PDB file of N, CA and C in Angstrom:
ATOM      1  N   MET A   1      -9.343   2.051  -7.445  1.00  0.00           N
ATOM      2  CA  MET A   1      -7.995   2.446  -7.067  1.00  0.00           C
ATOM      3  C   MET A   1      -7.218   2.925  -8.287  1.00  0.00           C
ATOM      4  N   GLN A   2      -7.478   2.330  -9.429  1.00  0.00           N
ATOM      5  CA  GLN A   2      -6.784   2.774 -10.639  1.00  0.00           C
ATOM      6  C   GLN A   2      -7.099   4.234 -10.944  1.00  0.00           C
ATOM      7  N   ARG A   3      -8.358   4.634 -10.784  1.00  0.00           N
ATOM      8  CA  ARG A   3      -8.731   6.035 -11.032  1.00  0.00           C
ATOM      9  C   ARG A   3      -8.038   6.966 -10.047  1.00  0.00           C
ATOM     10  N   CYS A   4      -7.941   6.554  -8.809  1.00  0.00           N
ATOM     11  CA  CYS A   4      -7.243   7.341  -7.788  1.00  0.00           C
ATOM     12  C   CYS A   4      -5.762   7.491  -8.168  1.00  0.00           C
ATOM     13  N   TYR A   5      -5.147   6.398  -8.559  1.00  0.00           N
ATOM     14  CA  TYR A   5      -3.746   6.420  -8.987  1.00  0.00           C
ATOM     15  C   TYR A   5      -3.573   7.359 -10.175  1.00  0.00           C
ATOM     16  N   ASP A   6      -4.440   7.207 -11.182  1.00  0.00           N
ATOM     17  CA  ASP A   6      -4.332   8.031 -12.382  1.00  0.00           C
ATOM     18  C   ASP A   6      -4.452   9.515 -12.062  1.00  0.00           C
ATOM     19  N   PHE A   7      -5.349   9.872 -11.162  1.00  0.00           N
ATOM     20  CA  PHE A   7      -5.606  11.271 -10.839  1.00  0.00           C
ATOM     21  C   PHE A   7      -4.534  11.879  -9.934  1.00  0.00           C
ATOM     22  N   TYR A   8      -4.119  11.145  -8.891  1.00  0.00           N
ATOM     23  CA  TYR A   8      -3.248  11.707  -7.874  1.00  0.00           C
ATOM     24  C   TYR A   8      -1.771  11.334  -7.977  1.00  0.00           C
ATOM     25  N   VAL A   9      -1.461  10.211  -8.602  1.00  0.00           N
ATOM     26  CA  VAL A   9      -0.102   9.682  -8.496  1.00  0.00           C
ATOM     27  C   VAL A   9       0.626   9.577  -9.830  1.00  0.00           C
ATOM     28  N   ALA A  10      -0.041   9.209 -10.888  1.00  0.00           N
ATOM     29  CA  ALA A  10       0.615   8.846 -12.152  1.00  0.00           C
ATOM     30  C   ALA A  10       1.607   9.890 -12.652  1.00  0.00           C
ATOM     31  N   ALA A  11       1.267  11.141 -12.582  1.00  0.00           N
ATOM     32  CA  ALA A  11       2.132  12.189 -13.129  1.00  0.00           C
ATOM     33  C   ALA A  11       3.174  12.694 -12.135  1.00  0.00           C
ATOM     34  N   ARG A  12       3.157  12.180 -10.925  1.00  0.00           N
ATOM     35  CA  ARG A  12       4.101  12.666  -9.910  1.00  0.00           C
ATOM     36  C   ARG A  12       5.533  12.333 -10.314  1.00  0.00           C
ATOM     37  N   GLN A  13       6.370  13.332 -10.285  1.00  0.00           N
ATOM     38  CA  GLN A  13       7.778  13.153 -10.623  1.00  0.00           C
ATOM     39  C   GLN A  13       8.552  12.694  -9.396  1.00  0.00           C
ATOM     40  N   VAL A  14       9.443  11.759  -9.610  1.00  0.00           N
ATOM     41  CA  VAL A  14      10.294  11.249  -8.544  1.00  0.00           C
ATOM     42  C   VAL A  14      11.739  11.424  -8.993  1.00  0.00           C
ATOM     43  N   ALA A  15      12.569  11.930  -8.106  1.00  0.00           N
ATOM     44  CA  ALA A  15      13.983  12.130  -8.428  1.00  0.00           C
ATOM     45  C   ALA A  15      14.645  10.794  -8.747  1.00  0.00           C
ATOM     46  N   PRO A  16      15.652  10.787  -9.600  1.00  0.00           N
ATOM     47  CA  PRO A  16      16.364   9.537  -9.901  1.00  0.00           C
ATOM     48  C   PRO A  16      16.849   8.865  -8.627  1.00  0.00           C
ATOM     49  N   GLY A  17      16.565   7.588  -8.504  1.00  0.00           N
ATOM     50  CA  GLY A  17      16.969   6.819  -7.337  1.00  0.00           C
ATOM     51  C   GLY A  17      16.020   6.909  -6.160  1.00  0.00           C
ATOM     52  N   GLU A  18      15.056   7.827  -6.208  1.00  0.00           N
ATOM     53  CA  GLU A  18      14.080   7.966  -5.130  1.00  0.00           C
ATOM     54  C   GLU A  18      12.916   7.008  -5.359  1.00  0.00           C
ATOM     55  N   THR A  19      12.379   6.480  -4.276  1.00  0.00           N
ATOM     56  CA  THR A  19      11.177   5.658  -4.363  1.00  0.00           C
ATOM     57  C   THR A  19      10.146   6.193  -3.380  1.00  0.00           C
ATOM     58  N   LEU A  20       8.897   5.956  -3.689  1.00  0.00           N
ATOM     59  CA  LEU A  20       7.796   6.309  -2.797  1.00  0.00           C
ATOM     60  C   LEU A  20       7.319   5.040  -2.120  1.00  0.00           C
ATOM     61  N   THR A  21       7.098   5.096  -0.828  1.00  0.00           N
ATOM     62  CA  THR A  21       6.619   3.937  -0.089  1.00  0.00           C
ATOM     63  C   THR A  21       5.100   3.980  -0.022  1.00  0.00           C
ATOM     64  N   VAL A  22       4.490   2.910  -0.503  1.00  0.00           N
ATOM     65  CA  VAL A  22       3.041   2.752  -0.488  1.00  0.00           C
ATOM     66  C   VAL A  22       2.703   1.713   0.570  1.00  0.00           C
ATOM     67  N   VAL A  23       1.814   2.051   1.497  1.00  0.00           N
ATOM     68  CA  VAL A  23       1.372   1.115   2.523  1.00  0.00           C
ATOM     69  C   VAL A  23      -0.113   0.858   2.291  1.00  0.00           C
ATOM     70  N   GLU A  24      -0.458  -0.411   2.172  1.00  0.00           N
ATOM     71  CA  GLU A  24      -1.864  -0.786   2.038  1.00  0.00           C
ATOM     72  C   GLU A  24      -2.336  -1.429   3.331  1.00  0.00           C
ATOM     73  N   ILE A  25      -3.441  -0.925   3.852  1.00  0.00           N
ATOM     74  CA  ILE A  25      -4.061  -1.482   5.049  1.00  0.00           C
ATOM     75  C   ILE A  25      -5.198  -2.391   4.580  1.00  0.00           C
ATOM     76  N   GLY A  26      -5.142  -3.651   4.969  1.00  0.00           N
ATOM     77  CA  GLY A  26      -6.123  -4.625   4.496  1.00  0.00           C
ATOM     78  C   GLY A  26      -5.704  -5.180   3.148  1.00  0.00           C
ATOM     79  N   SER A  27      -4.487  -5.691   3.060  1.00  0.00           N
ATOM     80  CA  SER A  27      -3.886  -6.026   1.768  1.00  0.00           C
ATOM     81  C   SER A  27      -4.057  -7.467   1.301  1.00  0.00           C
ATOM     82  N   GLU A  28      -4.645  -8.341   2.122  1.00  0.00           N
ATOM     83  CA  GLU A  28      -4.753  -9.732   1.674  1.00  0.00           C
ATOM     84  C   GLU A  28      -5.514  -9.791   0.353  1.00  0.00           C
ATOM     85  N   GLU A  29      -4.945 -10.514  -0.600  1.00  0.00           N
ATOM     86  CA  GLU A  29      -5.523 -10.623  -1.941  1.00  0.00           C
ATOM     87  C   GLU A  29      -6.655 -11.643  -1.915  1.00  0.00           C
ATOM     88  N   PHE A  30      -7.832 -11.166  -1.552  1.00  0.00           N
ATOM     89  CA  PHE A  30      -8.998 -12.026  -1.439  1.00  0.00           C
ATOM     90  C   PHE A  30      -9.972 -11.783  -2.586  1.00  0.00           C
ATOM     91  N   ASN A  31     -10.340 -10.530  -2.791  1.00  0.00           N
ATOM     92  CA  ASN A  31     -11.247 -10.160  -3.886  1.00  0.00           C
ATOM     93  C   ASN A  31     -10.596  -9.155  -4.822  1.00  0.00           C
ATOM     94  N   GLY A  32      -9.323  -9.299  -5.037  1.00  0.00           N
ATOM     95  CA  GLY A  32      -8.594  -8.351  -5.866  1.00  0.00           C
ATOM     96  C   GLY A  32      -7.444  -7.760  -5.087  1.00  0.00           C
ATOM     97  N   ALA A  33      -6.615  -7.010  -5.784  1.00  0.00           N
ATOM     98  CA  ALA A  33      -5.432  -6.437  -5.166  1.00  0.00           C
ATOM     99  C   ALA A  33      -5.077  -5.133  -5.863  1.00  0.00           C
ATOM    100  N   TYR A  34      -4.268  -4.335  -5.191  1.00  0.00           N
ATOM    101  CA  TYR A  34      -3.830  -3.054  -5.755  1.00  0.00           C
ATOM    102  C   TYR A  34      -2.330  -3.007  -6.011  1.00  0.00           C
ATOM    103  N   ARG A  35      -1.604  -3.980  -5.545  1.00  0.00           N
ATOM    104  CA  ARG A  35      -0.143  -3.965  -5.672  1.00  0.00           C
ATOM    105  C   ARG A  35       0.295  -3.755  -7.121  1.00  0.00           C
ATOM    106  N   HIS A  36      -0.417  -4.367  -8.058  1.00  0.00           N
ATOM    107  CA  HIS A  36      -0.022  -4.260  -9.470  1.00  0.00           C
ATOM    108  C   HIS A  36      -0.130  -2.821  -9.991  1.00  0.00           C
ATOM    109  N   ILE A  37      -0.994  -2.009  -9.388  1.00  0.00           N
ATOM    110  CA  ILE A  37      -1.145  -0.615  -9.821  1.00  0.00           C
ATOM    111  C   ILE A  37       0.121   0.179  -9.494  1.00  0.00           C
ATOM    112  N   PHE A  38       0.812  -0.200  -8.437  1.00  0.00           N
ATOM    113  CA  PHE A  38       2.022   0.495  -7.993  1.00  0.00           C
ATOM    114  C   PHE A  38       3.269  -0.356  -8.275  1.00  0.00           C
ATOM    115  N   ALA A  39       3.267  -1.059  -9.387  1.00  0.00           N
ATOM    116  CA  ALA A  39       4.310  -2.058  -9.652  1.00  0.00           C
ATOM    117  C   ALA A  39       5.600  -1.497 -10.245  1.00  0.00           C
ATOM    118  N   ASP A  40       5.616  -0.256 -10.704  1.00  0.00           N
ATOM    119  CA  ASP A  40       6.851   0.206 -11.333  1.00  0.00           C
ATOM    120  C   ASP A  40       7.912   0.548 -10.294  1.00  0.00           C
ATOM    121  N   GLU A  41       9.117   0.844 -10.772  1.00  0.00           N
ATOM    122  CA  GLU A  41      10.280   1.003  -9.897  1.00  0.00           C
ATOM    123  C   GLU A  41      10.209   2.240  -9.008  1.00  0.00           C
ATOM    124  N   ARG A  42       9.229   3.109  -9.210  1.00  0.00           N
ATOM    125  CA  ARG A  42       9.101   4.295  -8.350  1.00  0.00           C
ATOM    126  C   ARG A  42       8.577   3.956  -6.964  1.00  0.00           C
ATOM    127  N   PHE A  43       8.054   2.744  -6.774  1.00  0.00           N
ATOM    128  CA  PHE A  43       7.345   2.416  -5.548  1.00  0.00           C
ATOM    129  C   PHE A  43       7.935   1.229  -4.798  1.00  0.00           C
ATOM    130  N   THR A  44       7.911   1.336  -3.476  1.00  0.00           N
ATOM    131  CA  THR A  44       8.105   0.209  -2.580  1.00  0.00           C
ATOM    132  C   THR A  44       6.740  -0.030  -1.947  1.00  0.00           C
ATOM    133  N   TYR A  45       6.221  -1.238  -2.069  1.00  0.00           N
ATOM    134  CA  TYR A  45       4.856  -1.534  -1.636  1.00  0.00           C
ATOM    135  C   TYR A  45       4.891  -2.416  -0.405  1.00  0.00           C
ATOM    136  N   ILE A  46       4.163  -2.025   0.634  1.00  0.00           N
ATOM    137  CA  ILE A  46       4.091  -2.795   1.874  1.00  0.00           C
ATOM    138  C   ILE A  46       2.619  -3.082   2.156  1.00  0.00           C
ATOM    139  N   GLY A  47       2.255  -4.351   2.177  1.00  0.00           N
ATOM    140  CA  GLY A  47       0.887  -4.746   2.475  1.00  0.00           C
ATOM    141  C   GLY A  47       0.759  -5.172   3.930  1.00  0.00           C
ATOM    142  N   CYS A  48      -0.231  -4.622   4.634  1.00  0.00           N
ATOM    143  CA  CYS A  48      -0.468  -4.930   6.042  1.00  0.00           C
ATOM    144  C   CYS A  48      -1.869  -5.505   6.211  1.00  0.00           C
ATOM    145  N   ASP A  49      -1.977  -6.532   7.033  1.00  0.00           N
ATOM    146  CA  ASP A  49      -3.289  -7.104   7.325  1.00  0.00           C
ATOM    147  C   ASP A  49      -3.220  -7.805   8.668  1.00  0.00           C
ATOM    148  N   ARG A  50      -4.370  -8.261   9.147  1.00  0.00           N
ATOM    149  CA  ARG A  50      -4.448  -8.904  10.467  1.00  0.00           C
ATOM    150  C   ARG A  50      -4.050 -10.370  10.464  1.00  0.00           C
ATOM    151  N   ALA A  51      -3.974 -10.976   9.282  1.00  0.00           N
ATOM    152  CA  ALA A  51      -3.610 -12.393   9.182  1.00  0.00           C
ATOM    153  C   ALA A  51      -2.696 -12.577   7.982  1.00  0.00           C
ATOM    154  N   PRO A  52      -1.849 -13.599   8.021  1.00  0.00           N
ATOM    155  CA  PRO A  52      -0.989 -13.847   6.869  1.00  0.00           C
ATOM    156  C   PRO A  52      -1.802 -14.302   5.664  1.00  0.00           C
ATOM    157  N   GLY A  53      -1.275 -14.048   4.506  1.00  0.00           N
ATOM    158  CA  GLY A  53      -1.933 -14.468   3.280  1.00  0.00           C
ATOM    159  C   GLY A  53      -1.270 -13.816   2.084  1.00  0.00           C
ATOM    160  N   PRO A  54      -1.759 -14.127   0.892  1.00  0.00           N
ATOM    161  CA  PRO A  54      -1.191 -13.520  -0.314  1.00  0.00           C
ATOM    162  C   PRO A  54      -1.328 -11.995  -0.252  1.00  0.00           C
ATOM    163  N   GLY A  55      -0.251 -11.295  -0.560  1.00  0.00           N
ATOM    164  CA  GLY A  55      -0.262  -9.840  -0.558  1.00  0.00           C
ATOM    165  C   GLY A  55       0.038  -9.204   0.783  1.00  0.00           C
ATOM    166  N   VAL A  56       0.245 -10.012   1.809  1.00  0.00           N
ATOM    167  CA  VAL A  56       0.497  -9.477   3.154  1.00  0.00           C
ATOM    168  C   VAL A  56       1.994  -9.560   3.448  1.00  0.00           C
ATOM    169  N   ASP A  57       2.598  -8.394   3.661  1.00  0.00           N
ATOM    170  CA  ASP A  57       4.016  -8.332   4.029  1.00  0.00           C
ATOM    171  C   ASP A  57       4.196  -8.216   5.536  1.00  0.00           C
ATOM    172  N   ILE A  58       3.260  -7.527   6.195  1.00  0.00           N
ATOM    173  CA  ILE A  58       3.324  -7.343   7.644  1.00  0.00           C
ATOM    174  C   ILE A  58       1.994  -7.782   8.246  1.00  0.00           C
ATOM    175  N   VAL A  59       2.062  -8.721   9.187  1.00  0.00           N
ATOM    176  CA  VAL A  59       0.876  -9.142   9.931  1.00  0.00           C
ATOM    177  C   VAL A  59       0.799  -8.257  11.171  1.00  0.00           C
ATOM    178  N   LEU A  60      -0.335  -7.587  11.330  1.00  0.00           N
ATOM    179  CA  LEU A  60      -0.502  -6.634  12.423  1.00  0.00           C
ATOM    180  C   LEU A  60      -0.932  -7.330  13.705  1.00  0.00           C
ATOM    181  N   ASP A  61      -0.213  -7.083  14.782  1.00  0.00           N
ATOM    182  CA  ASP A  61      -0.622  -7.568  16.101  1.00  0.00           C
ATOM    183  C   ASP A  61      -1.772  -6.720  16.634  1.00  0.00           C
ATOM    184  N   ASP A  62      -1.708  -5.436  16.339  1.00  0.00           N
ATOM    185  CA  ASP A  62      -2.730  -4.487  16.771  1.00  0.00           C
ATOM    186  C   ASP A  62      -3.156  -3.695  15.538  1.00  0.00           C
ATOM    187  N   PRO A  63      -4.410  -3.805  15.121  1.00  0.00           N
ATOM    188  CA  PRO A  63      -4.824  -3.129  13.893  1.00  0.00           C
ATOM    189  C   PRO A  63      -4.810  -1.605  13.997  1.00  0.00           C
ATOM    190  N   TYR A  64      -4.608  -1.071  15.197  1.00  0.00           N
ATOM    191  CA  TYR A  64      -4.588   0.369  15.401  1.00  0.00           C
ATOM    192  C   TYR A  64      -3.175   0.944  15.460  1.00  0.00           C
ATOM    193  N   LYS A  65      -2.176   0.068  15.346  1.00  0.00           N
ATOM    194  CA  LYS A  65      -0.783   0.512  15.388  1.00  0.00           C
ATOM    195  C   LYS A  65      -0.017  -0.167  14.259  1.00  0.00           C
ATOM    196  N   LEU A  66       0.536   0.643  13.383  1.00  0.00           N
ATOM    197  CA  LEU A  66       1.362   0.100  12.311  1.00  0.00           C
ATOM    198  C   LEU A  66       2.808   0.033  12.785  1.00  0.00           C
ATOM    199  N   PRO A  67       3.454  -1.110  12.609  1.00  0.00           N
ATOM    200  CA  PRO A  67       4.842  -1.240  13.062  1.00  0.00           C
ATOM    201  C   PRO A  67       5.818  -0.634  12.053  1.00  0.00           C
ATOM    202  N   LEU A  68       5.595   0.636  11.737  1.00  0.00           N
ATOM    203  CA  LEU A  68       6.436   1.361  10.785  1.00  0.00           C
ATOM    204  C   LEU A  68       6.879   2.666  11.437  1.00  0.00           C
ATOM    205  N   PRO A  69       8.045   3.146  11.062  1.00  0.00           N
ATOM    206  CA  PRO A  69       8.494   4.422  11.629  1.00  0.00           C
ATOM    207  C   PRO A  69       7.574   5.579  11.214  1.00  0.00           C
ATOM    208  N   ASP A  70       7.485   6.590  12.058  1.00  0.00           N
ATOM    209  CA  ASP A  70       6.739   7.790  11.700  1.00  0.00           C
ATOM    210  C   ASP A  70       7.274   8.350  10.384  1.00  0.00           C
ATOM    211  N   ARG A  71       6.375   8.870   9.571  1.00  0.00           N
ATOM    212  CA  ARG A  71       6.714   9.528   8.307  1.00  0.00           C
ATOM    213  C   ARG A  71       7.407   8.611   7.311  1.00  0.00           C
ATOM    214  N   SER A  72       7.175   7.319   7.405  1.00  0.00           N
ATOM    215  CA  SER A  72       7.836   6.383   6.488  1.00  0.00           C
ATOM    216  C   SER A  72       6.996   6.045   5.261  1.00  0.00           C
ATOM    217  N   ALA A  73       5.728   6.456   5.243  1.00  0.00           N
ATOM    218  CA  ALA A  73       4.853   6.166   4.102  1.00  0.00           C
ATOM    219  C   ALA A  73       4.573   7.449   3.331  1.00  0.00           C
ATOM    220  N   ASP A  74       4.658   7.340   2.017  1.00  0.00           N
ATOM    221  CA  ASP A  74       4.317   8.463   1.155  1.00  0.00           C
ATOM    222  C   ASP A  74       2.858   8.390   0.715  1.00  0.00           C
ATOM    223  N   ILE A  75       2.357   7.171   0.561  1.00  0.00           N
ATOM    224  CA  ILE A  75       0.985   6.939   0.119  1.00  0.00           C
ATOM    225  C   ILE A  75       0.409   5.818   0.975  1.00  0.00           C
ATOM    226  N   VAL A  76      -0.800   6.013   1.487  1.00  0.00           N
ATOM    227  CA  VAL A  76      -1.490   4.963   2.247  1.00  0.00           C
ATOM    228  C   VAL A  76      -2.818   4.696   1.541  1.00  0.00           C
ATOM    229  N   VAL A  77      -3.078   3.415   1.244  1.00  0.00           N
ATOM    230  CA  VAL A  77      -4.338   3.031   0.605  1.00  0.00           C
ATOM    231  C   VAL A  77      -5.033   1.990   1.466  1.00  0.00           C
ATOM    232  N   SER A  78      -6.343   2.008   1.398  1.00  0.00           N
ATOM    233  CA  SER A  78      -7.141   1.040   2.123  1.00  0.00           C
ATOM    234  C   SER A  78      -8.475   0.920   1.403  1.00  0.00           C
ATOM    235  N   GLY A  79      -8.537   0.033   0.460  1.00  0.00           N
ATOM    236  CA  GLY A  79      -9.735  -0.048  -0.352  1.00  0.00           C
ATOM    237  C   GLY A  79     -10.579  -1.286  -0.151  1.00  0.00           C
ATOM    238  N   GLN A  80     -10.088  -2.271   0.564  1.00  0.00           N
ATOM    239  CA  GLN A  80     -10.794  -3.536   0.671  1.00  0.00           C
ATOM    240  C   GLN A  80     -11.175  -3.903   2.098  1.00  0.00           C
ATOM    241  N   MET A  81     -11.066  -2.963   3.026  1.00  0.00           N
ATOM    242  CA  MET A  81     -11.382  -3.353   4.395  1.00  0.00           C
ATOM    243  C   MET A  81     -12.451  -2.497   5.046  1.00  0.00           C
ATOM    244  N   LEU A  82     -12.696  -1.306   4.558  1.00  0.00           N
ATOM    245  CA  LEU A  82     -13.643  -0.423   5.231  1.00  0.00           C
ATOM    246  C   LEU A  82     -15.095  -0.870   5.088  1.00  0.00           C
ATOM    247  N   GLU A  83     -15.410  -1.613   4.037  1.00  0.00           N
ATOM    248  CA  GLU A  83     -16.796  -2.060   3.879  1.00  0.00           C
ATOM    249  C   GLU A  83     -17.180  -3.097   4.917  1.00  0.00           C
ATOM    250  N   HIS A  84     -16.212  -3.672   5.606  1.00  0.00           N
ATOM    251  CA  HIS A  84     -16.495  -4.674   6.617  1.00  0.00           C
ATOM    252  C   HIS A  84     -16.749  -4.020   7.961  1.00  0.00           C
TER     253      HIS A  84
END
């Protein structure tokens, strides 16, 4: 994820006062986490998972529907759930 951030996100300019919303699908901190990669003030980080736990901000009732408004995420990451 760090390489992805470095390549696609690090140099992105954000207007003063603007933040980018990062949504992580499968965010429970079990074998590592990505929140620290997006820790600066340019980002608002929302972690979503099927069960409560460290790193989870939203517990999903339905894993196929995110309880977020349309067009509310600027970046979506999912690095720890697809291997399952």
